N, C-alpha and C. Protein backbone atom coordinates (compact mmCIF):
# COMPACT_ATOMS: atom_id res chain seq x y z
N MET A 1 16.07 -22.74 22.22
CA MET A 1 17.48 -22.76 21.86
C MET A 1 18.32 -22.82 23.14
N ARG A 2 19.30 -23.72 23.16
CA ARG A 2 20.19 -23.89 24.32
C ARG A 2 21.56 -23.28 23.98
N VAL A 3 22.05 -22.43 24.88
CA VAL A 3 23.24 -21.63 24.59
C VAL A 3 24.27 -21.77 25.70
N VAL A 4 25.56 -21.79 25.29
CA VAL A 4 26.66 -21.65 26.24
C VAL A 4 27.38 -20.35 25.89
N ILE A 5 27.64 -19.53 26.90
CA ILE A 5 28.31 -18.24 26.68
C ILE A 5 29.71 -18.28 27.27
N ALA A 6 30.70 -17.87 26.48
CA ALA A 6 32.09 -17.80 26.95
C ALA A 6 32.56 -16.35 26.81
N GLU A 7 32.66 -15.67 27.93
CA GLU A 7 33.01 -14.24 27.95
C GLU A 7 33.62 -13.93 29.31
N ASP A 8 34.85 -13.35 29.32
CA ASP A 8 35.52 -13.14 30.59
C ASP A 8 34.97 -11.95 31.37
N SER A 9 34.29 -11.02 30.69
CA SER A 9 33.65 -9.91 31.39
C SER A 9 32.34 -10.40 32.01
N VAL A 10 32.31 -10.43 33.33
CA VAL A 10 31.11 -10.92 34.02
C VAL A 10 29.90 -10.06 33.66
N LEU A 11 30.10 -8.77 33.54
CA LEU A 11 29.00 -7.86 33.23
C LEU A 11 28.41 -8.17 31.86
N LEU A 12 29.28 -8.35 30.86
CA LEU A 12 28.79 -8.65 29.52
C LEU A 12 28.18 -10.04 29.46
N ARG A 13 28.79 -10.99 30.16
CA ARG A 13 28.26 -12.36 30.17
C ARG A 13 26.85 -12.38 30.76
N GLU A 14 26.66 -11.66 31.85
CA GLU A 14 25.33 -11.61 32.45
C GLU A 14 24.35 -10.85 31.57
N GLY A 15 24.85 -9.84 30.87
CA GLY A 15 23.99 -9.09 29.96
C GLY A 15 23.52 -9.94 28.80
N LEU A 16 24.42 -10.72 28.22
CA LEU A 16 24.06 -11.62 27.13
C LEU A 16 23.07 -12.67 27.60
N THR A 17 23.31 -13.17 28.81
CA THR A 17 22.39 -14.18 29.37
C THR A 17 20.99 -13.59 29.51
N ARG A 18 20.91 -12.37 30.00
CA ARG A 18 19.61 -11.73 30.19
C ARG A 18 18.91 -11.50 28.84
N LEU A 19 19.66 -11.04 27.85
CA LEU A 19 19.08 -10.80 26.52
C LEU A 19 18.44 -12.07 25.97
N LEU A 20 19.13 -13.18 26.11
CA LEU A 20 18.66 -14.43 25.53
C LEU A 20 17.54 -15.07 26.35
N THR A 21 17.68 -15.07 27.67
CA THR A 21 16.64 -15.69 28.50
C THR A 21 15.34 -14.89 28.45
N ASP A 22 15.44 -13.58 28.33
CA ASP A 22 14.23 -12.75 28.23
C ASP A 22 13.43 -13.07 26.98
N ARG A 23 14.10 -13.68 26.01
CA ARG A 23 13.42 -14.02 24.75
C ARG A 23 13.15 -15.51 24.63
N GLY A 24 13.16 -16.18 25.78
CA GLY A 24 12.72 -17.57 25.83
C GLY A 24 13.77 -18.62 25.57
N HIS A 25 15.04 -18.20 25.47
CA HIS A 25 16.11 -19.16 25.21
C HIS A 25 16.77 -19.56 26.53
N GLU A 26 17.43 -20.71 26.53
CA GLU A 26 18.04 -21.25 27.75
C GLU A 26 19.56 -21.15 27.69
N VAL A 27 20.14 -20.43 28.62
CA VAL A 27 21.60 -20.37 28.74
C VAL A 27 22.01 -21.44 29.73
N VAL A 28 22.60 -22.52 29.23
CA VAL A 28 22.89 -23.67 30.08
C VAL A 28 24.20 -23.54 30.84
N ALA A 29 25.08 -22.63 30.40
CA ALA A 29 26.35 -22.43 31.10
C ALA A 29 26.98 -21.12 30.67
N GLY A 30 27.75 -20.53 31.59
CA GLY A 30 28.51 -19.34 31.29
C GLY A 30 29.91 -19.51 31.85
N VAL A 31 30.93 -19.30 31.02
CA VAL A 31 32.32 -19.50 31.45
C VAL A 31 33.15 -18.29 31.08
N GLY A 32 34.38 -18.22 31.66
CA GLY A 32 35.19 -17.03 31.47
C GLY A 32 36.48 -17.20 30.70
N ASP A 33 36.76 -18.42 30.20
CA ASP A 33 37.98 -18.61 29.40
C ASP A 33 37.81 -19.79 28.44
N GLY A 34 38.73 -19.90 27.49
CA GLY A 34 38.62 -20.92 26.45
C GLY A 34 38.73 -22.33 26.98
N GLU A 35 39.61 -22.54 27.95
CA GLU A 35 39.78 -23.87 28.52
C GLU A 35 38.49 -24.34 29.20
N ALA A 36 37.87 -23.44 29.94
CA ALA A 36 36.61 -23.77 30.62
C ALA A 36 35.51 -24.04 29.60
N LEU A 37 35.54 -23.33 28.48
CA LEU A 37 34.54 -23.56 27.43
C LEU A 37 34.66 -24.97 26.87
N ILE A 38 35.87 -25.38 26.51
CA ILE A 38 36.08 -26.72 25.96
C ILE A 38 35.69 -27.79 26.97
N LYS A 39 36.05 -27.58 28.24
CA LYS A 39 35.70 -28.54 29.29
C LYS A 39 34.19 -28.64 29.45
N THR A 40 33.51 -27.50 29.45
CA THR A 40 32.06 -27.49 29.62
C THR A 40 31.35 -28.21 28.49
N ILE A 41 31.79 -27.96 27.25
CA ILE A 41 31.17 -28.62 26.10
C ILE A 41 31.41 -30.13 26.16
N ALA A 42 32.60 -30.53 26.59
CA ALA A 42 32.90 -31.97 26.71
C ALA A 42 31.99 -32.62 27.75
N GLU A 43 31.77 -31.93 28.86
CA GLU A 43 30.90 -32.47 29.91
C GLU A 43 29.45 -32.57 29.43
N LEU A 44 28.99 -31.56 28.72
CA LEU A 44 27.62 -31.59 28.20
C LEU A 44 27.47 -32.68 27.14
N ASP A 45 28.50 -32.85 26.32
CA ASP A 45 28.48 -33.89 25.29
C ASP A 45 28.40 -35.28 25.93
N ALA A 46 29.13 -35.47 27.03
CA ALA A 46 29.13 -36.76 27.72
C ALA A 46 27.75 -37.09 28.28
N GLN A 47 26.96 -36.04 28.54
CA GLN A 47 25.61 -36.24 29.05
C GLN A 47 24.56 -36.20 27.93
N ALA A 48 25.05 -36.18 26.67
CA ALA A 48 24.17 -36.06 25.50
C ALA A 48 23.30 -34.81 25.60
N MET A 49 23.91 -33.72 26.05
CA MET A 49 23.18 -32.46 26.24
C MET A 49 23.92 -31.29 25.59
N LEU A 50 24.50 -31.52 24.42
CA LEU A 50 25.19 -30.44 23.72
C LEU A 50 24.24 -29.26 23.49
N PRO A 51 24.75 -28.04 23.64
CA PRO A 51 23.91 -26.88 23.34
C PRO A 51 23.72 -26.75 21.82
N ASP A 52 22.83 -25.84 21.43
CA ASP A 52 22.63 -25.58 20.00
C ASP A 52 23.69 -24.63 19.47
N VAL A 53 24.19 -23.76 20.35
CA VAL A 53 25.14 -22.74 19.89
C VAL A 53 26.01 -22.27 21.05
N VAL A 54 27.24 -21.91 20.71
CA VAL A 54 28.17 -21.29 21.66
C VAL A 54 28.39 -19.85 21.21
N VAL A 55 28.31 -18.92 22.15
CA VAL A 55 28.64 -17.52 21.89
C VAL A 55 29.92 -17.23 22.66
N ALA A 56 31.02 -16.90 21.94
CA ALA A 56 32.32 -16.78 22.59
C ALA A 56 33.06 -15.51 22.17
N ASP A 57 33.73 -14.90 23.13
CA ASP A 57 34.59 -13.76 22.85
C ASP A 57 35.86 -14.26 22.17
N VAL A 58 36.39 -13.47 21.24
CA VAL A 58 37.65 -13.84 20.57
C VAL A 58 38.80 -13.87 21.57
N ARG A 59 38.89 -12.85 22.41
CA ARG A 59 40.02 -12.70 23.34
C ARG A 59 39.57 -13.02 24.76
N MET A 60 40.23 -14.00 25.36
CA MET A 60 39.91 -14.38 26.74
C MET A 60 41.18 -14.74 27.49
N PRO A 61 41.10 -14.88 28.83
CA PRO A 61 42.29 -15.24 29.61
C PRO A 61 42.86 -16.58 29.16
N PRO A 62 44.17 -16.82 29.43
CA PRO A 62 45.03 -15.97 30.27
C PRO A 62 45.75 -14.85 29.53
N THR A 63 45.92 -14.94 28.20
CA THR A 63 46.73 -13.95 27.48
C THR A 63 45.89 -12.88 26.79
N HIS A 64 44.59 -13.09 26.72
CA HIS A 64 43.69 -12.14 26.04
C HIS A 64 44.13 -11.87 24.59
N THR A 65 44.54 -12.94 23.91
CA THR A 65 44.89 -12.80 22.49
C THR A 65 43.87 -13.55 21.65
N ASP A 66 44.07 -14.87 21.51
CA ASP A 66 43.17 -15.61 20.60
C ASP A 66 42.56 -16.85 21.24
N GLU A 67 42.53 -16.90 22.58
CA GLU A 67 42.02 -18.11 23.25
C GLU A 67 40.60 -18.46 22.82
N GLY A 68 39.76 -17.44 22.71
CA GLY A 68 38.37 -17.69 22.36
C GLY A 68 38.17 -18.26 20.98
N VAL A 69 38.84 -17.67 20.01
CA VAL A 69 38.67 -18.16 18.64
C VAL A 69 39.33 -19.52 18.46
N ARG A 70 40.44 -19.76 19.17
CA ARG A 70 41.08 -21.09 19.11
C ARG A 70 40.12 -22.15 19.64
N ALA A 71 39.47 -21.84 20.75
CA ALA A 71 38.51 -22.79 21.32
C ALA A 71 37.34 -23.00 20.35
N ALA A 72 36.90 -21.92 19.71
CA ALA A 72 35.78 -22.01 18.77
C ALA A 72 36.14 -22.91 17.58
N VAL A 73 37.34 -22.73 17.04
CA VAL A 73 37.79 -23.55 15.91
C VAL A 73 37.88 -25.02 16.34
N GLN A 74 38.41 -25.26 17.52
CA GLN A 74 38.54 -26.62 18.04
C GLN A 74 37.16 -27.27 18.21
N LEU A 75 36.21 -26.51 18.72
CA LEU A 75 34.86 -27.05 18.93
C LEU A 75 34.17 -27.34 17.61
N ARG A 76 34.39 -26.51 16.61
CA ARG A 76 33.77 -26.74 15.29
C ARG A 76 34.30 -28.03 14.67
N LYS A 77 35.57 -28.31 14.91
CA LYS A 77 36.14 -29.54 14.37
C LYS A 77 35.62 -30.77 15.13
N ALA A 78 35.51 -30.64 16.44
CA ALA A 78 35.09 -31.78 17.27
C ALA A 78 33.58 -32.02 17.21
N HIS A 79 32.82 -30.95 17.01
CA HIS A 79 31.35 -31.05 17.01
C HIS A 79 30.80 -30.27 15.82
N PRO A 80 30.84 -30.86 14.63
CA PRO A 80 30.42 -30.14 13.41
C PRO A 80 28.99 -29.60 13.47
N GLY A 81 28.13 -30.21 14.26
CA GLY A 81 26.75 -29.76 14.34
C GLY A 81 26.53 -28.64 15.34
N LEU A 82 27.57 -28.23 16.06
CA LEU A 82 27.46 -27.19 17.07
C LEU A 82 27.64 -25.82 16.43
N GLY A 83 26.66 -24.94 16.62
CA GLY A 83 26.79 -23.58 16.10
C GLY A 83 27.77 -22.79 16.95
N VAL A 84 28.58 -21.94 16.31
CA VAL A 84 29.57 -21.13 17.01
C VAL A 84 29.49 -19.69 16.51
N LEU A 85 29.20 -18.78 17.43
CA LEU A 85 29.15 -17.36 17.11
C LEU A 85 30.22 -16.65 17.94
N VAL A 86 31.17 -16.01 17.26
CA VAL A 86 32.28 -15.34 17.93
C VAL A 86 32.03 -13.84 17.94
N LEU A 87 32.32 -13.22 19.10
CA LEU A 87 32.21 -11.77 19.25
C LEU A 87 33.60 -11.17 19.36
N SER A 88 33.78 -10.02 18.71
CA SER A 88 35.09 -9.37 18.73
C SER A 88 34.92 -7.86 18.86
N GLN A 89 35.88 -7.23 19.54
CA GLN A 89 35.83 -5.77 19.69
C GLN A 89 36.11 -5.08 18.36
N TYR A 90 36.99 -5.68 17.57
CA TYR A 90 37.37 -5.12 16.27
C TYR A 90 37.34 -6.21 15.22
N VAL A 91 37.39 -5.81 13.95
CA VAL A 91 37.48 -6.78 12.87
C VAL A 91 38.91 -7.32 12.84
N GLU A 92 39.05 -8.60 13.09
CA GLU A 92 40.37 -9.25 13.05
C GLU A 92 40.30 -10.30 11.94
N GLU A 93 40.78 -9.90 10.78
CA GLU A 93 40.59 -10.67 9.56
C GLU A 93 41.14 -12.09 9.67
N ARG A 94 42.29 -12.23 10.31
CA ARG A 94 42.91 -13.57 10.41
C ARG A 94 42.00 -14.52 11.17
N TYR A 95 41.41 -14.04 12.25
CA TYR A 95 40.54 -14.89 13.06
C TYR A 95 39.26 -15.22 12.31
N ALA A 96 38.71 -14.22 11.60
CA ALA A 96 37.48 -14.46 10.84
C ALA A 96 37.72 -15.51 9.77
N THR A 97 38.85 -15.41 9.07
CA THR A 97 39.18 -16.36 8.01
C THR A 97 39.37 -17.76 8.57
N GLU A 98 40.05 -17.85 9.70
CA GLU A 98 40.29 -19.16 10.32
C GLU A 98 38.98 -19.80 10.76
N LEU A 99 38.11 -19.00 11.34
CA LEU A 99 36.83 -19.52 11.82
C LEU A 99 35.96 -19.99 10.67
N LEU A 100 36.01 -19.28 9.55
CA LEU A 100 35.15 -19.59 8.41
C LEU A 100 35.68 -20.71 7.53
N ALA A 101 36.95 -21.06 7.71
CA ALA A 101 37.52 -22.12 6.89
C ALA A 101 36.86 -23.46 7.22
N GLY A 102 36.68 -24.28 6.20
CA GLY A 102 36.12 -25.62 6.42
C GLY A 102 34.61 -25.63 6.26
N SER A 103 33.92 -26.16 7.26
CA SER A 103 32.47 -26.31 7.20
C SER A 103 31.78 -24.96 7.06
N SER A 104 30.72 -24.94 6.27
CA SER A 104 30.00 -23.69 6.01
C SER A 104 28.75 -23.55 6.87
N ARG A 105 28.52 -24.48 7.78
CA ARG A 105 27.28 -24.45 8.57
C ARG A 105 27.51 -23.94 9.99
N GLY A 106 26.53 -23.19 10.48
CA GLY A 106 26.50 -22.80 11.88
C GLY A 106 27.69 -22.01 12.36
N VAL A 107 27.96 -20.88 11.71
CA VAL A 107 29.12 -20.07 12.10
C VAL A 107 28.76 -18.59 12.01
N GLY A 108 29.28 -17.82 12.96
CA GLY A 108 29.05 -16.38 12.95
C GLY A 108 30.22 -15.62 13.53
N TYR A 109 30.39 -14.38 13.06
CA TYR A 109 31.44 -13.50 13.56
C TYR A 109 30.84 -12.09 13.59
N LEU A 110 30.62 -11.58 14.79
CA LEU A 110 30.01 -10.26 14.95
C LEU A 110 30.88 -9.35 15.81
N LEU A 111 30.81 -8.06 15.54
CA LEU A 111 31.45 -7.09 16.43
C LEU A 111 30.57 -6.91 17.66
N LYS A 112 31.20 -6.64 18.80
CA LYS A 112 30.44 -6.51 20.04
C LYS A 112 29.43 -5.37 20.00
N ASP A 113 29.70 -4.37 19.17
CA ASP A 113 28.75 -3.26 19.05
C ASP A 113 27.37 -3.74 18.63
N ARG A 114 27.32 -4.86 17.90
CA ARG A 114 26.03 -5.37 17.39
C ARG A 114 25.14 -5.87 18.52
N VAL A 115 25.73 -6.17 19.67
CA VAL A 115 24.93 -6.67 20.79
C VAL A 115 23.90 -5.62 21.21
N ALA A 116 24.25 -4.35 21.03
CA ALA A 116 23.32 -3.27 21.38
C ALA A 116 22.08 -3.28 20.49
N GLU A 117 22.21 -3.84 19.30
CA GLU A 117 21.05 -3.98 18.41
C GLU A 117 20.42 -5.33 18.74
N VAL A 118 19.67 -5.33 19.82
CA VAL A 118 19.24 -6.58 20.47
C VAL A 118 18.53 -7.53 19.52
N ARG A 119 17.58 -7.04 18.78
CA ARG A 119 16.80 -7.92 17.90
C ARG A 119 17.69 -8.58 16.86
N GLU A 120 18.56 -7.79 16.23
CA GLU A 120 19.44 -8.35 15.20
C GLU A 120 20.43 -9.34 15.81
N PHE A 121 20.92 -9.03 17.02
CA PHE A 121 21.86 -9.93 17.67
C PHE A 121 21.21 -11.27 17.98
N VAL A 122 20.04 -11.25 18.59
CA VAL A 122 19.36 -12.49 18.93
C VAL A 122 19.01 -13.27 17.67
N ASP A 123 18.57 -12.56 16.62
CA ASP A 123 18.27 -13.23 15.35
C ASP A 123 19.51 -13.93 14.81
N ALA A 124 20.68 -13.28 14.97
CA ALA A 124 21.94 -13.87 14.48
C ALA A 124 22.28 -15.13 15.26
N VAL A 125 22.09 -15.11 16.58
CA VAL A 125 22.37 -16.28 17.41
C VAL A 125 21.47 -17.45 16.99
N VAL A 126 20.19 -17.14 16.79
CA VAL A 126 19.23 -18.18 16.37
C VAL A 126 19.62 -18.74 15.01
N ARG A 127 20.01 -17.85 14.09
CA ARG A 127 20.38 -18.29 12.74
C ARG A 127 21.57 -19.24 12.78
N VAL A 128 22.57 -18.91 13.57
CA VAL A 128 23.74 -19.77 13.70
C VAL A 128 23.37 -21.10 14.36
N ALA A 129 22.52 -21.04 15.38
CA ALA A 129 22.08 -22.27 16.06
C ALA A 129 21.36 -23.21 15.10
N GLU A 130 20.68 -22.63 14.12
CA GLU A 130 19.92 -23.43 13.15
C GLU A 130 20.77 -23.87 11.96
N GLY A 131 22.07 -23.58 12.01
CA GLY A 131 22.97 -24.02 10.94
C GLY A 131 23.25 -22.98 9.88
N GLY A 132 22.81 -21.74 10.13
CA GLY A 132 23.03 -20.68 9.16
C GLY A 132 24.31 -19.90 9.43
N THR A 133 24.41 -18.74 8.80
CA THR A 133 25.61 -17.91 8.90
C THR A 133 25.23 -16.51 9.34
N ALA A 134 26.09 -15.89 10.16
CA ALA A 134 25.87 -14.51 10.58
C ALA A 134 27.22 -13.80 10.61
N LEU A 135 27.47 -12.97 9.62
CA LEU A 135 28.72 -12.23 9.56
C LEU A 135 28.46 -10.74 9.66
N ASP A 136 29.23 -10.07 10.49
CA ASP A 136 29.08 -8.64 10.67
C ASP A 136 29.36 -7.91 9.35
N PRO A 137 28.57 -6.89 9.02
CA PRO A 137 28.81 -6.16 7.77
C PRO A 137 30.24 -5.64 7.64
N GLU A 138 30.85 -5.22 8.74
CA GLU A 138 32.22 -4.72 8.67
C GLU A 138 33.22 -5.83 8.39
N VAL A 139 32.94 -7.02 8.91
CA VAL A 139 33.78 -8.18 8.62
C VAL A 139 33.70 -8.51 7.14
N VAL A 140 32.47 -8.55 6.63
CA VAL A 140 32.25 -8.84 5.21
C VAL A 140 32.96 -7.82 4.34
N ALA A 141 32.85 -6.54 4.71
CA ALA A 141 33.44 -5.48 3.91
C ALA A 141 34.96 -5.65 3.82
N GLN A 142 35.60 -5.99 4.94
CA GLN A 142 37.05 -6.17 4.92
C GLN A 142 37.47 -7.39 4.12
N LEU A 143 36.74 -8.49 4.31
CA LEU A 143 37.09 -9.72 3.60
C LEU A 143 36.87 -9.56 2.10
N LEU A 144 35.74 -8.94 1.74
CA LEU A 144 35.48 -8.72 0.32
C LEU A 144 36.46 -7.73 -0.25
N GLY A 145 36.85 -6.72 0.55
CA GLY A 145 37.83 -5.75 0.08
C GLY A 145 39.15 -6.41 -0.24
N ARG A 146 39.57 -7.32 0.65
CA ARG A 146 40.82 -8.05 0.38
C ARG A 146 40.69 -8.92 -0.86
N SER A 147 39.51 -9.53 -0.99
CA SER A 147 39.34 -10.49 -2.08
C SER A 147 39.30 -9.82 -3.45
N ARG A 148 39.07 -8.50 -3.48
CA ARG A 148 39.03 -7.82 -4.78
C ARG A 148 40.38 -7.88 -5.48
N LYS A 149 41.43 -8.15 -4.69
CA LYS A 149 42.76 -8.26 -5.27
C LYS A 149 42.98 -9.65 -5.88
N GLN A 150 42.02 -10.53 -5.68
CA GLN A 150 42.19 -11.90 -6.14
C GLN A 150 41.33 -12.15 -7.38
N ASP A 151 41.80 -13.04 -8.24
CA ASP A 151 41.11 -13.32 -9.49
C ASP A 151 39.75 -13.99 -9.28
N VAL A 152 39.55 -14.61 -8.12
CA VAL A 152 38.36 -15.42 -7.92
C VAL A 152 37.07 -14.62 -8.07
N LEU A 153 37.09 -13.35 -7.72
CA LEU A 153 35.89 -12.53 -7.84
C LEU A 153 35.99 -11.50 -8.97
N ALA A 154 36.99 -11.65 -9.78
CA ALA A 154 37.22 -10.65 -10.82
C ALA A 154 36.05 -10.55 -11.79
N GLY A 155 35.32 -11.64 -11.97
CA GLY A 155 34.24 -11.63 -12.94
C GLY A 155 32.93 -11.07 -12.44
N LEU A 156 32.86 -10.74 -11.14
CA LEU A 156 31.61 -10.22 -10.58
C LEU A 156 31.47 -8.72 -10.83
N THR A 157 30.25 -8.30 -11.11
CA THR A 157 29.98 -6.87 -11.26
C THR A 157 29.92 -6.22 -9.89
N PRO A 158 30.01 -4.88 -9.82
CA PRO A 158 29.90 -4.20 -8.52
C PRO A 158 28.61 -4.56 -7.78
N ARG A 159 27.50 -4.66 -8.50
CA ARG A 159 26.23 -5.00 -7.86
C ARG A 159 26.25 -6.43 -7.32
N GLU A 160 26.86 -7.34 -8.09
CA GLU A 160 26.97 -8.73 -7.64
C GLU A 160 27.84 -8.84 -6.39
N ARG A 161 28.89 -8.01 -6.31
CA ARG A 161 29.72 -7.99 -5.10
C ARG A 161 28.89 -7.50 -3.91
N GLU A 162 28.07 -6.49 -4.16
CA GLU A 162 27.23 -5.95 -3.10
C GLU A 162 26.24 -7.01 -2.60
N VAL A 163 25.64 -7.73 -3.53
CA VAL A 163 24.70 -8.80 -3.17
C VAL A 163 25.44 -9.90 -2.41
N LEU A 164 26.64 -10.24 -2.86
CA LEU A 164 27.44 -11.27 -2.19
C LEU A 164 27.74 -10.87 -0.75
N GLY A 165 28.04 -9.60 -0.54
CA GLY A 165 28.31 -9.12 0.81
C GLY A 165 27.10 -9.26 1.71
N LEU A 166 25.92 -8.94 1.19
CA LEU A 166 24.69 -9.08 1.98
C LEU A 166 24.35 -10.55 2.21
N MET A 167 24.64 -11.40 1.24
CA MET A 167 24.46 -12.84 1.43
C MET A 167 25.32 -13.32 2.59
N ALA A 168 26.56 -12.82 2.64
CA ALA A 168 27.50 -13.25 3.68
C ALA A 168 27.03 -12.85 5.07
N GLU A 169 26.24 -11.77 5.15
CA GLU A 169 25.69 -11.36 6.44
C GLU A 169 24.58 -12.30 6.89
N GLY A 170 24.15 -13.19 6.00
CA GLY A 170 23.10 -14.14 6.34
C GLY A 170 21.71 -13.69 5.90
N ARG A 171 21.64 -12.66 5.06
CA ARG A 171 20.34 -12.12 4.66
C ARG A 171 19.70 -12.98 3.56
N THR A 172 18.39 -13.06 3.60
CA THR A 172 17.64 -13.77 2.57
C THR A 172 17.54 -12.91 1.33
N ASN A 173 17.08 -13.50 0.23
CA ASN A 173 16.90 -12.73 -1.00
C ASN A 173 15.93 -11.57 -0.80
N SER A 174 14.86 -11.83 -0.06
CA SER A 174 13.86 -10.78 0.17
C SER A 174 14.46 -9.63 0.98
N ALA A 175 15.28 -9.97 1.98
CA ALA A 175 15.92 -8.93 2.80
C ALA A 175 16.92 -8.13 1.96
N ILE A 176 17.62 -8.80 1.07
CA ILE A 176 18.57 -8.11 0.18
C ILE A 176 17.81 -7.16 -0.75
N ALA A 177 16.68 -7.63 -1.25
CA ALA A 177 15.87 -6.79 -2.14
C ALA A 177 15.42 -5.52 -1.42
N ARG A 178 15.00 -5.66 -0.18
CA ARG A 178 14.57 -4.48 0.58
C ARG A 178 15.74 -3.54 0.82
N GLN A 179 16.91 -4.09 1.13
CA GLN A 179 18.08 -3.26 1.39
C GLN A 179 18.51 -2.47 0.15
N LEU A 180 18.46 -3.12 -1.00
CA LEU A 180 18.92 -2.49 -2.24
C LEU A 180 17.80 -1.78 -3.00
N VAL A 181 16.58 -1.92 -2.48
CA VAL A 181 15.40 -1.31 -3.10
C VAL A 181 15.26 -1.80 -4.55
N VAL A 182 15.24 -3.10 -4.71
CA VAL A 182 15.02 -3.73 -6.01
C VAL A 182 14.03 -4.87 -5.81
N SER A 183 13.62 -5.50 -6.90
CA SER A 183 12.66 -6.59 -6.80
C SER A 183 13.34 -7.88 -6.36
N ASP A 184 12.53 -8.80 -5.83
CA ASP A 184 13.06 -10.12 -5.47
C ASP A 184 13.64 -10.82 -6.70
N GLY A 185 12.98 -10.64 -7.83
CA GLY A 185 13.44 -11.27 -9.06
C GLY A 185 14.82 -10.78 -9.48
N ALA A 186 15.06 -9.47 -9.27
CA ALA A 186 16.38 -8.92 -9.62
C ALA A 186 17.47 -9.53 -8.75
N VAL A 187 17.17 -9.71 -7.46
CA VAL A 187 18.14 -10.31 -6.55
C VAL A 187 18.39 -11.77 -6.93
N GLU A 188 17.33 -12.49 -7.24
CA GLU A 188 17.48 -13.89 -7.65
C GLU A 188 18.39 -14.01 -8.87
N LYS A 189 18.24 -13.06 -9.80
CA LYS A 189 19.09 -13.08 -10.99
C LYS A 189 20.55 -12.84 -10.62
N HIS A 190 20.79 -11.87 -9.74
CA HIS A 190 22.17 -11.59 -9.30
C HIS A 190 22.77 -12.81 -8.61
N VAL A 191 21.99 -13.44 -7.73
CA VAL A 191 22.48 -14.60 -6.99
C VAL A 191 22.81 -15.74 -7.95
N SER A 192 21.94 -15.96 -8.93
CA SER A 192 22.20 -17.01 -9.91
C SER A 192 23.49 -16.73 -10.68
N ASN A 193 23.70 -15.46 -11.04
CA ASN A 193 24.92 -15.09 -11.77
C ASN A 193 26.17 -15.30 -10.90
N ILE A 194 26.04 -15.00 -9.61
CA ILE A 194 27.17 -15.20 -8.69
C ILE A 194 27.53 -16.68 -8.63
N PHE A 195 26.51 -17.53 -8.46
CA PHE A 195 26.75 -18.97 -8.41
C PHE A 195 27.43 -19.44 -9.69
N LEU A 196 26.92 -18.97 -10.82
CA LEU A 196 27.45 -19.38 -12.12
C LEU A 196 28.91 -18.96 -12.26
N LYS A 197 29.21 -17.70 -11.94
CA LYS A 197 30.56 -17.19 -12.12
C LYS A 197 31.57 -17.81 -11.15
N LEU A 198 31.07 -18.26 -9.99
CA LEU A 198 31.97 -18.89 -9.02
C LEU A 198 32.02 -20.40 -9.17
N GLY A 199 31.31 -20.91 -10.18
CA GLY A 199 31.36 -22.33 -10.47
C GLY A 199 30.65 -23.21 -9.46
N LEU A 200 29.60 -22.68 -8.83
CA LEU A 200 28.83 -23.44 -7.85
C LEU A 200 27.59 -24.01 -8.52
N SER A 201 27.53 -25.32 -8.58
CA SER A 201 26.45 -25.98 -9.31
C SER A 201 25.25 -26.27 -8.43
N GLN A 202 24.16 -26.69 -9.06
CA GLN A 202 22.94 -27.03 -8.33
C GLN A 202 23.20 -28.14 -7.31
N SER A 203 24.15 -29.01 -7.59
CA SER A 203 24.42 -30.14 -6.69
C SER A 203 24.96 -29.70 -5.34
N ASP A 204 25.43 -28.44 -5.25
CA ASP A 204 25.92 -27.94 -3.97
C ASP A 204 24.78 -27.58 -3.03
N GLY A 205 23.55 -27.58 -3.56
CA GLY A 205 22.37 -27.38 -2.72
C GLY A 205 22.31 -26.03 -2.05
N ASP A 206 21.63 -26.00 -0.88
CA ASP A 206 21.40 -24.74 -0.19
C ASP A 206 22.69 -24.08 0.29
N HIS A 207 23.77 -24.85 0.42
CA HIS A 207 25.00 -24.28 0.94
C HIS A 207 25.72 -23.40 -0.09
N ARG A 208 25.18 -23.30 -1.28
CA ARG A 208 25.82 -22.44 -2.28
C ARG A 208 25.93 -21.00 -1.79
N ARG A 209 24.98 -20.55 -0.99
CA ARG A 209 25.02 -19.17 -0.50
C ARG A 209 26.27 -18.93 0.33
N VAL A 210 26.58 -19.89 1.21
CA VAL A 210 27.77 -19.74 2.04
C VAL A 210 29.02 -20.06 1.25
N LEU A 211 28.96 -21.06 0.40
CA LEU A 211 30.12 -21.43 -0.42
C LEU A 211 30.54 -20.27 -1.32
N ALA A 212 29.57 -19.47 -1.75
CA ALA A 212 29.90 -18.32 -2.59
C ALA A 212 30.81 -17.36 -1.84
N VAL A 213 30.59 -17.22 -0.54
CA VAL A 213 31.44 -16.35 0.29
C VAL A 213 32.76 -17.04 0.61
N LEU A 214 32.70 -18.34 0.91
CA LEU A 214 33.91 -19.05 1.30
C LEU A 214 34.87 -19.27 0.15
N THR A 215 34.39 -19.21 -1.08
CA THR A 215 35.24 -19.46 -2.25
C THR A 215 36.48 -18.59 -2.24
N TYR A 216 36.31 -17.31 -2.00
CA TYR A 216 37.48 -16.41 -2.04
C TYR A 216 38.37 -16.58 -0.82
N LEU A 217 37.79 -17.05 0.30
CA LEU A 217 38.61 -17.26 1.49
C LEU A 217 39.61 -18.40 1.30
N ASN A 218 39.19 -19.38 0.51
CA ASN A 218 40.02 -20.56 0.29
C ASN A 218 40.84 -20.49 -0.99
N SER A 219 40.82 -19.36 -1.66
CA SER A 219 41.53 -19.25 -2.94
C SER A 219 43.00 -18.96 -2.71
């Protein structure tokens, strides 16, 4: 896996680089602001050497507000096949919603605290690089909490909401079954009911898992 890291803290940037390289991945560039990130990706693209995934901080210079997420959104539009994983100190719902809008492939939003859980963090980066989704449980909880006020999820049972939240974290059916201490078959039934109630047909293919989460964001 080839990675570009955008983080203004040199210490954290070097730490992330070490975590990934120690596990056999290649960090092809490290930058400290959103403008440098966009420039670096453009240069790599010109050489036909786009990375598999970008890991970027939400807040970077010069204003330390939303430069990172703005760059991430711009890159997702310009390079739909590029995975983008954003790190944030806190859950910032507006940024998460903006990042998740549109394409359902190769996107992640994690709190920086998750970096300490090395195995889960690296697994999340790999999942996003491969076109999957990785959402922090706290991000999911806030987004789903907001969505309970909307009619789009009104038909889901409490258990189906719980399963939907775990789906949004990027967990497989088997992983959800282990978390909830139920059978794989029970989870499959819940997932099927969620798809049915949200109007997601078989023609939507494998992306139904992500579309189930994105449905309420776009409502």
